[in-house]
Amino acid sequence: MPSKIILIGPKLNKDLKTISGQSMMFQLLLDEVISKNINHCIVDISEQSEKTRVRKSGELDFNRVLEYITVCFKFIKVVFFNPNSVIYLTVSQSTAGFLRDFYFISIGKLFSCKIVAHQFGGNFGNFYYNKNIVLKNLIKLTYKKVNKIIVEGDFSKSNFSFLNSNLKNVISIPNGLPEKELGVANFKNYRSGDKFQILYLSNLILSKGYLDVLSAINILINKRNIIVHCSFVGKFINAVDDPIDIDLTKCKSYFFDYISSNNLENFVTYSESKLGLEKQIEFQKAHVFVLPSYYLNEGQPVSVLEAISYGVVPLITNYRLMPQMINENSGMFVNKQDPECIADKIEFFVNNPDVYNSFSKSSISHFNNNFTSEIYLEKLLKILQNEF
């Protein structure tokens, strides 16, 4: 009889708008497990209050600690009544998050559970090597207890090189599109003279490059007289790699002041969050998706998968796992912190509709061959339902 699966990860919290690629991927798996009536339990580690959602990304605070204590008690109850289960755990690449994961893995092993750790993001190696010898040894001992480690691509396997002989247990599974019903089959048909639509859809973290996108729009509108429109969709979030003197209020003020002072009100729109049909409309009208990220914890952004499923051509940085998400015919690379480069790529597509349409068509083909939710879930469930 197959083992029960204990799923530990962040569910989507639409009320608090705590939406991330990791929560979308966890929700995708959870929905599939429920739809297939697979025997399971859930331990939700998502933020549960407004107080915790305003903290810096990757940083812990007192309210989050209280939430973790509650989660730990719930986990003890779940694992006590379900020994010998398979534990699926979305693991962190921060010190506080590791201590949480250390607890789950250690307690799970006490109850003879098999552990599958899923690492989203591409910074775990840096996280490990920047720790002192005591914490390094604790991390190494903890992950040697894990039966399988899943990463988003081959690039991230090297993050666990410290495991040496245990590296054979590190498996690459590229992400799949979480909201599979939103994808479309037809490529974009951009024609010369149409207003060119640009989309930035991700958390507004400085190192994800949203200000570089905004600056590129200013270059196109006010310096090159190329009429475009850009939609920004995402929460303003402070992150651990922000400059030390930056806070959330300053980020928001600068963003809207920049739009006003450069007369971009008719060319830029902003929304904190769009889900379901509203998000579908954003992707349907967009021509390019821009994410010039150099974010510390970046991995394989789900928003890029969403874009290519609609034939929205990605303009992204050659960073971490992002290069594996496009090929030479389905997207283009831009330099980090280089608004002129972003403007150049957009201008190229505006002036070359036939080339743009070809890229759009290739984007959908690349998605269908590599990144559907069906491909992703089949690989993931095969691991979780295997008795190792």
Protein backbone atom coordinates (compact mmCIF):
# COMPACT_ATOMS: atom_id res chain seq x y z
CA MET A 1 0.00 0.00 0.00
CA PRO A 2 1.46 3.43 -0.97
CA SER A 3 2.64 5.59 1.89
CA LYS A 4 0.75 8.68 2.96
CA ILE A 5 2.31 11.90 1.68
CA ILE A 6 2.78 14.76 4.14
CA LEU A 7 2.97 17.97 2.13
CA ILE A 8 4.83 20.83 3.83
CA GLY A 9 4.87 24.12 1.96
CA PRO A 10 3.22 27.52 1.47
CA LYS A 11 -0.32 27.42 0.15
CA LEU A 12 -1.54 30.36 -1.89
CA ASN A 13 -3.03 33.02 0.37
CA LYS A 14 -5.09 35.18 -1.97
CA ASP A 15 -6.57 37.23 0.87
CA LEU A 16 -3.14 38.49 1.91
CA LYS A 17 -1.92 38.48 -1.71
CA THR A 18 1.09 36.43 -0.59
CA ILE A 19 1.70 34.99 -4.02
CA SER A 20 5.09 33.66 -5.05
CA GLY A 21 6.38 31.16 -7.55
CA GLN A 22 7.02 28.71 -4.73
CA SER A 23 3.48 29.00 -3.38
CA MET A 24 2.06 28.58 -6.88
CA MET A 25 4.09 25.41 -7.43
CA PHE A 26 3.09 23.99 -4.03
CA GLN A 27 -0.57 24.74 -4.72
CA LEU A 28 -0.29 23.02 -8.10
CA LEU A 29 0.97 19.84 -6.44
CA LEU A 30 -1.62 20.05 -3.68
CA ASP A 31 -4.47 20.42 -6.19
CA GLU A 32 -3.20 17.43 -8.16
CA VAL A 33 -2.91 15.25 -5.05
CA ILE A 34 -6.47 16.17 -4.05
CA SER A 35 -7.87 15.57 -7.55
CA LYS A 36 -6.28 12.12 -7.69
CA ASN A 37 -7.44 11.19 -4.17
CA ILE A 38 -3.90 10.48 -3.04
CA ASN A 39 -3.67 9.82 0.68
CA HIS A 40 -2.10 12.97 2.16
CA CYS A 41 -1.86 15.53 4.97
CA ILE A 42 -1.03 19.23 4.64
CA VAL A 43 1.20 21.41 6.81
CA ASP A 44 0.81 24.96 5.54
CA ILE A 45 3.84 27.22 6.18
CA SER A 46 2.52 30.31 4.38
CA GLU A 47 2.37 33.69 6.09
CA GLN A 48 -0.90 34.00 7.97
CA SER A 49 -1.11 37.66 8.97
CA GLU A 50 -0.67 41.14 7.57
CA LYS A 51 2.19 41.70 10.06
CA THR A 52 4.34 38.93 8.60
CA ARG A 53 3.71 39.76 4.96
CA VAL A 54 5.38 43.18 5.22
CA ARG A 55 8.74 41.77 6.41
CA LYS A 56 11.73 41.64 4.10
CA SER A 57 11.84 38.72 1.68
CA GLY A 58 14.22 36.14 3.16
CA GLU A 59 14.15 37.72 6.62
CA LEU A 60 12.49 36.47 9.82
CA ASP A 61 10.68 38.55 12.45
CA PHE A 62 8.94 37.89 15.76
CA ASN A 63 5.47 37.39 14.26
CA ARG A 64 6.84 34.88 11.77
CA VAL A 65 8.55 32.99 14.61
CA LEU A 66 5.19 32.66 16.36
CA GLU A 67 3.66 31.29 13.16
CA TYR A 68 6.49 28.76 12.86
CA ILE A 69 5.94 27.59 16.45
CA THR A 70 2.29 26.89 15.65
CA VAL A 71 3.30 25.02 12.48
CA CYS A 72 5.83 22.92 14.40
CA PHE A 73 3.21 21.77 16.89
CA LYS A 74 0.87 20.88 14.04
CA PHE A 75 3.63 18.91 12.33
CA ILE A 76 4.35 16.88 15.48
CA LYS A 77 0.69 15.85 15.62
CA VAL A 78 0.57 14.95 11.93
CA VAL A 79 3.77 12.88 11.93
CA PHE A 80 2.93 11.15 15.25
CA PHE A 81 -0.27 9.72 13.74
CA ASN A 82 1.33 9.06 10.35
CA PRO A 83 4.76 7.42 10.85
CA ASN A 84 6.53 5.86 7.85
CA SER A 85 5.07 8.49 5.55
CA VAL A 86 6.72 10.31 2.67
CA ILE A 87 7.38 13.95 3.59
CA TYR A 88 7.50 16.46 0.75
CA LEU A 89 9.11 19.67 1.99
CA THR A 90 9.75 22.96 0.17
CA VAL A 91 13.06 24.01 1.71
CA SER A 92 14.54 27.43 2.36
CA GLN A 93 17.86 29.10 1.51
CA SER A 94 18.03 31.34 4.58
CA THR A 95 19.33 30.62 8.09
CA ALA A 96 15.94 30.96 9.78
CA GLY A 97 14.30 28.86 7.10
CA PHE A 98 16.97 26.18 7.40
CA LEU A 99 16.40 25.89 11.16
CA ARG A 100 12.72 25.32 10.41
CA ASP A 101 13.62 22.68 7.80
CA PHE A 102 16.12 21.06 10.20
CA TYR A 103 13.24 20.54 12.64
CA PHE A 104 10.94 18.98 10.00
CA ILE A 105 13.65 16.68 8.64
CA SER A 106 14.95 15.58 12.05
CA ILE A 107 11.52 14.90 13.54
CA GLY A 108 10.39 13.19 10.34
CA LYS A 109 13.33 10.81 10.50
CA LEU A 110 12.54 9.98 14.13
CA PHE A 111 9.20 8.67 12.86
CA SER A 112 10.85 6.67 10.03
CA CYS A 113 9.62 8.97 7.27
CA LYS A 114 11.22 9.28 3.87
CA ILE A 115 12.10 12.91 3.04
CA VAL A 116 11.82 14.60 -0.35
CA ALA A 117 13.20 18.15 -0.19
CA HIS A 118 12.26 20.52 -3.02
CA GLN A 119 14.60 23.50 -3.35
CA PHE A 120 13.20 26.47 -5.29
CA GLY A 121 15.69 29.21 -6.15
CA GLY A 122 19.35 29.14 -7.09
CA ASN A 123 21.19 30.53 -4.07
CA PHE A 124 21.50 27.50 -1.76
CA GLY A 125 25.18 26.96 -2.55
CA ASN A 126 26.08 30.53 -1.61
CA PHE A 127 23.94 30.20 1.51
CA TYR A 128 25.87 27.09 2.59
CA TYR A 129 29.40 28.29 1.82
CA ASN A 130 28.91 31.62 3.60
CA LYS A 131 28.10 29.96 6.94
CA ASN A 132 30.50 29.19 9.80
CA ILE A 133 31.88 25.68 10.24
CA VAL A 134 29.31 24.73 12.89
CA LEU A 135 26.32 25.65 10.75
CA LYS A 136 27.93 24.11 7.65
CA ASN A 137 28.26 20.79 9.44
CA LEU A 138 24.66 20.98 10.66
CA ILE A 139 23.41 21.70 7.12
CA LYS A 140 25.46 18.84 5.71
CA LEU A 141 24.31 16.34 8.34
CA THR A 142 20.70 17.41 7.88
CA TYR A 143 20.67 17.01 4.10
CA LYS A 144 22.44 13.66 4.29
CA LYS A 145 19.25 12.45 5.99
CA VAL A 146 17.16 13.49 2.98
CA ASN A 147 16.26 10.70 0.55
CA LYS A 148 15.73 12.88 -2.54
CA ILE A 149 16.49 16.53 -3.27
CA ILE A 150 14.63 18.13 -6.16
CA VAL A 151 16.01 21.24 -7.87
CA GLU A 152 14.61 23.34 -10.72
CA GLY A 153 17.36 22.58 -13.23
CA ASP A 154 20.81 21.05 -13.72
CA PHE A 155 22.43 24.39 -12.86
CA SER A 156 21.17 24.07 -9.28
CA LYS A 157 22.58 20.57 -8.70
CA SER A 158 25.94 22.17 -7.93
CA ASN A 159 24.31 23.92 -4.95
CA PHE A 160 24.50 20.57 -3.16
CA SER A 161 28.05 19.61 -4.17
CA PHE A 162 28.96 19.61 -0.46
CA LEU A 163 27.05 16.31 -0.15
CA ASN A 164 29.68 14.51 -2.26
CA SER A 165 28.53 10.88 -2.61
CA ASN A 166 24.93 11.81 -1.83
CA LEU A 167 24.77 14.02 -4.93
CA LYS A 168 23.22 11.13 -6.87
CA ASN A 169 20.03 11.80 -4.90
CA VAL A 170 19.74 15.33 -6.35
CA ILE A 171 17.19 15.31 -9.18
CA SER A 172 16.41 18.07 -11.68
CA ILE A 173 12.73 18.76 -12.44
CA PRO A 174 12.01 22.02 -14.30
CA ASN A 175 8.94 23.87 -13.10
CA GLY A 176 5.62 23.51 -14.89
CA LEU A 177 2.95 26.15 -15.40
CA PRO A 178 0.79 26.21 -12.24
CA GLU A 179 -2.37 27.70 -13.76
CA LYS A 180 -2.59 25.41 -16.75
CA GLU A 181 -6.05 26.54 -17.82
CA LEU A 182 -4.72 30.02 -18.59
CA GLY A 183 -2.39 29.02 -21.41
CA VAL A 184 -3.31 29.62 -25.05
CA ALA A 185 -2.46 27.79 -28.26
CA ASN A 186 -2.17 30.69 -30.72
CA PHE A 187 0.86 32.94 -31.04
CA LYS A 188 0.66 36.73 -31.03
CA ASN A 189 0.02 38.55 -34.27
CA TYR A 190 1.64 41.94 -33.82
CA ARG A 191 1.25 44.39 -36.70
CA SER A 192 3.16 47.57 -37.38
CA GLY A 193 1.22 50.49 -35.91
CA ASP A 194 -0.30 48.50 -33.03
CA LYS A 195 0.51 49.79 -29.54
CA PHE A 196 3.25 47.56 -28.21
CA GLN A 197 2.35 46.12 -24.79
CA ILE A 198 4.96 45.31 -22.15
CA LEU A 199 4.38 43.33 -18.96
CA TYR A 200 6.34 43.15 -15.72
CA LEU A 201 4.62 40.61 -13.45
CA SER A 202 6.57 39.69 -10.35
CA ASN A 203 7.15 41.04 -6.86
CA LEU A 204 8.57 44.55 -7.08
CA ILE A 205 11.95 43.82 -5.53
CA LEU A 206 14.77 46.18 -6.51
CA SER A 207 17.10 43.40 -7.64
CA LYS A 208 14.39 41.97 -9.89
CA GLY A 209 14.96 45.08 -12.01
CA TYR A 210 11.55 46.74 -12.06
CA LEU A 211 13.10 50.22 -11.95
CA ASP A 212 15.24 49.31 -14.95
CA VAL A 213 12.06 48.40 -16.82
CA LEU A 214 10.46 51.70 -15.82
CA SER A 215 13.54 53.61 -16.96
CA ALA A 216 13.46 51.74 -20.29
CA ILE A 217 9.85 52.87 -20.81
CA ASN A 218 10.92 56.46 -20.20
CA ILE A 219 13.70 56.08 -22.80
CA LEU A 220 11.28 54.70 -25.38
CA ILE A 221 8.57 57.31 -24.77
CA ASN A 222 10.50 60.50 -24.09
CA LYS A 223 13.79 59.96 -25.92
CA ARG A 224 12.93 57.75 -28.89
CA ASN A 225 9.29 58.70 -29.41
CA ILE A 226 8.20 55.06 -29.54
CA ILE A 227 4.72 54.65 -28.09
CA VAL A 228 4.45 51.63 -25.82
CA HIS A 229 2.48 50.71 -22.73
CA CYS A 230 3.78 48.82 -19.70
CA SER A 231 1.76 47.08 -16.98
CA PHE A 232 3.47 46.47 -13.64
CA VAL A 233 1.79 43.77 -11.54
CA GLY A 234 3.17 42.79 -8.14
CA LYS A 235 3.66 43.75 -4.51
CA PHE A 236 6.40 46.10 -3.41
CA ILE A 237 8.66 43.97 -1.23
CA ASN A 238 11.89 44.67 0.61
CA ALA A 239 14.49 41.92 0.21
CA VAL A 240 17.64 40.94 2.04
CA ASP A 241 19.79 42.08 -0.90
CA ASP A 242 18.36 45.62 -0.89
CA PRO A 243 20.76 48.51 -0.23
CA ILE A 244 20.85 49.12 3.51
CA ASP A 245 19.23 52.57 3.33
CA ILE A 246 16.21 51.46 1.26
CA ASP A 247 12.78 50.89 2.78
CA LEU A 248 9.39 50.02 1.30
CA THR A 249 7.95 53.54 1.60
CA LYS A 250 10.89 55.02 -0.32
CA CYS A 251 10.57 52.40 -3.06
CA LYS A 252 6.87 53.06 -3.59
CA SER A 253 7.30 56.83 -3.53
CA TYR A 254 10.17 56.78 -5.99
CA PHE A 255 8.27 54.54 -8.43
CA PHE A 256 5.17 56.75 -8.61
CA ASP A 257 7.13 60.01 -8.46
CA TYR A 258 9.21 58.84 -11.42
CA ILE A 259 6.06 58.13 -13.44
CA SER A 260 4.65 61.56 -12.61
CA SER A 261 7.82 63.58 -13.18
CA ASN A 262 8.40 61.97 -16.58
CA ASN A 263 4.76 62.27 -17.70
CA LEU A 264 4.32 58.52 -18.04
CA GLU A 265 0.83 58.30 -16.55
CA ASN A 266 -0.71 57.35 -19.91
CA PHE A 267 1.94 54.75 -20.64
CA VAL A 268 2.34 52.92 -17.31
CA THR A 269 -0.23 51.17 -15.11
CA TYR A 270 0.26 49.44 -11.78
CA SER A 271 -1.65 46.78 -9.82
CA GLU A 272 -0.57 45.02 -6.65
CA SER A 273 -2.08 41.71 -7.67
CA LYS A 274 -4.08 40.11 -10.48
CA LEU A 275 -5.39 36.58 -10.39
CA GLY A 276 -7.44 34.31 -12.60
CA LEU A 277 -9.20 36.10 -15.44
CA GLU A 278 -7.56 39.45 -14.67
CA LYS A 279 -4.10 37.92 -14.97
CA GLN A 280 -5.13 36.04 -18.08
CA ILE A 281 -6.12 39.33 -19.72
CA GLU A 282 -2.71 40.84 -18.88
CA PHE A 283 -0.90 38.00 -20.63
CA GLN A 284 -3.29 37.99 -23.56
CA LYS A 285 -2.69 41.66 -24.36
CA ALA A 286 1.08 41.71 -23.67
CA HIS A 287 3.68 41.34 -26.40
CA VAL A 288 6.84 41.05 -24.30
CA PHE A 289 7.48 40.07 -20.69
CA VAL A 290 10.45 41.80 -19.05
CA LEU A 291 12.23 40.47 -15.96
CA PRO A 292 15.84 41.77 -15.80
CA SER A 293 16.47 40.03 -12.48
CA TYR A 294 19.65 39.63 -10.48
CA TYR A 295 17.77 38.83 -7.28
CA LEU A 296 19.81 36.92 -4.67
CA ASN A 297 17.34 34.03 -4.35
CA GLU A 298 16.24 33.86 -7.99
CA GLY A 299 15.75 30.44 -9.51
CA GLN A 300 13.34 29.57 -12.31
CA PRO A 301 10.59 32.23 -12.17
CA VAL A 302 7.11 30.84 -12.76
CA SER A 303 6.08 34.15 -14.33
CA VAL A 304 8.40 33.42 -17.27
CA LEU A 305 6.60 30.11 -17.82
CA GLU A 306 3.28 31.91 -17.77
CA ALA A 307 4.57 34.35 -20.36
CA ILE A 308 5.81 31.80 -22.88
CA SER A 309 2.60 29.76 -22.54
CA TYR A 310 0.80 32.78 -24.01
CA GLY A 311 3.42 33.50 -26.65
CA VAL A 312 4.55 36.58 -24.71
CA VAL A 313 8.24 36.88 -25.62
CA PRO A 314 10.52 37.05 -22.54
CA LEU A 315 13.31 39.60 -22.17
CA ILE A 316 15.30 38.24 -19.23
CA THR A 317 18.79 38.26 -17.75
CA ASN A 318 21.24 35.43 -18.36
CA TYR A 319 21.13 34.58 -14.67
CA ARG A 320 20.83 31.40 -12.58
CA LEU A 321 18.22 29.05 -14.09
CA MET A 322 16.59 31.64 -16.33
CA PRO A 323 18.66 30.79 -19.46
CA GLN A 324 17.16 27.28 -19.43
CA MET A 325 13.69 28.75 -19.83
CA ILE A 326 14.16 30.10 -23.35
CA ASN A 327 16.03 29.23 -26.52
CA GLU A 328 17.50 31.47 -29.23
CA ASN A 329 14.17 31.59 -31.07
CA SER A 330 11.79 32.14 -28.15
CA GLY A 331 13.27 34.98 -26.09
CA MET A 332 16.16 37.38 -25.67
CA PHE A 333 18.65 38.23 -22.94
CA VAL A 334 19.13 41.72 -21.54
CA ASN A 335 21.91 43.00 -19.34
CA LYS A 336 21.23 43.55 -15.65
CA GLN A 337 20.80 47.18 -14.59
CA ASP A 338 20.81 48.29 -18.25
CA PRO A 339 17.62 50.16 -19.25
CA GLU A 340 19.13 51.11 -22.62
CA CYS A 341 19.56 47.43 -23.47
CA ILE A 342 15.94 46.71 -22.53
CA ALA A 343 14.78 49.65 -24.66
CA ASP A 344 16.88 48.39 -27.60
CA LYS A 345 15.30 44.92 -27.54
CA ILE A 346 11.78 46.33 -27.33
CA GLU A 347 12.47 48.79 -30.15
CA PHE A 348 13.80 45.94 -32.29
CA PHE A 349 10.55 43.99 -31.94
CA VAL A 350 8.42 47.10 -32.52
CA ASN A 351 10.25 47.69 -35.81
CA ASN A 352 10.26 44.04 -36.88
CA PRO A 353 6.73 42.58 -36.54
CA ASP A 354 7.49 39.45 -38.57
CA VAL A 355 10.47 38.59 -36.37
CA TYR A 356 8.40 39.26 -33.26
CA ASN A 357 5.58 36.97 -34.46
CA SER A 358 8.08 34.20 -35.15
CA PHE A 359 9.49 34.52 -31.62
CA SER A 360 5.99 34.42 -30.17
CA LYS A 361 5.18 31.22 -32.02
CA SER A 362 8.46 29.63 -30.89
CA SER A 363 7.74 30.61 -27.27
CA ILE A 364 4.54 28.56 -27.21
CA SER A 365 6.25 25.60 -28.87
CA HIS A 366 9.10 25.74 -26.35
CA PHE A 367 6.60 25.82 -23.49
CA ASN A 368 4.54 22.89 -24.77
CA ASN A 369 7.63 20.74 -25.22
CA ASN A 370 9.19 21.44 -21.83
CA PHE A 371 7.11 23.20 -19.19
CA THR A 372 3.50 22.02 -19.03
CA SER A 373 2.06 21.17 -15.63
CA GLU A 374 1.39 17.61 -16.84
CA ILE A 375 5.10 17.03 -17.52
CA TYR A 376 6.08 18.53 -14.16
CA LEU A 377 3.49 16.67 -12.06
CA GLU A 378 4.15 13.32 -13.69
CA LYS A 379 7.85 13.54 -12.76
CA LEU A 380 7.18 14.84 -9.26
CA LEU A 381 4.49 12.32 -8.32
CA LYS A 382 6.62 9.48 -9.65
CA ILE A 383 9.22 10.39 -7.01
CA LEU A 384 6.71 10.91 -4.20
CA GLN A 385 4.86 7.66 -4.87
CA ASN A 386 8.03 5.62 -5.35
CA GLU A 387 9.10 3.63 -2.33
CA PHE A 388 12.75 4.57 -3.04
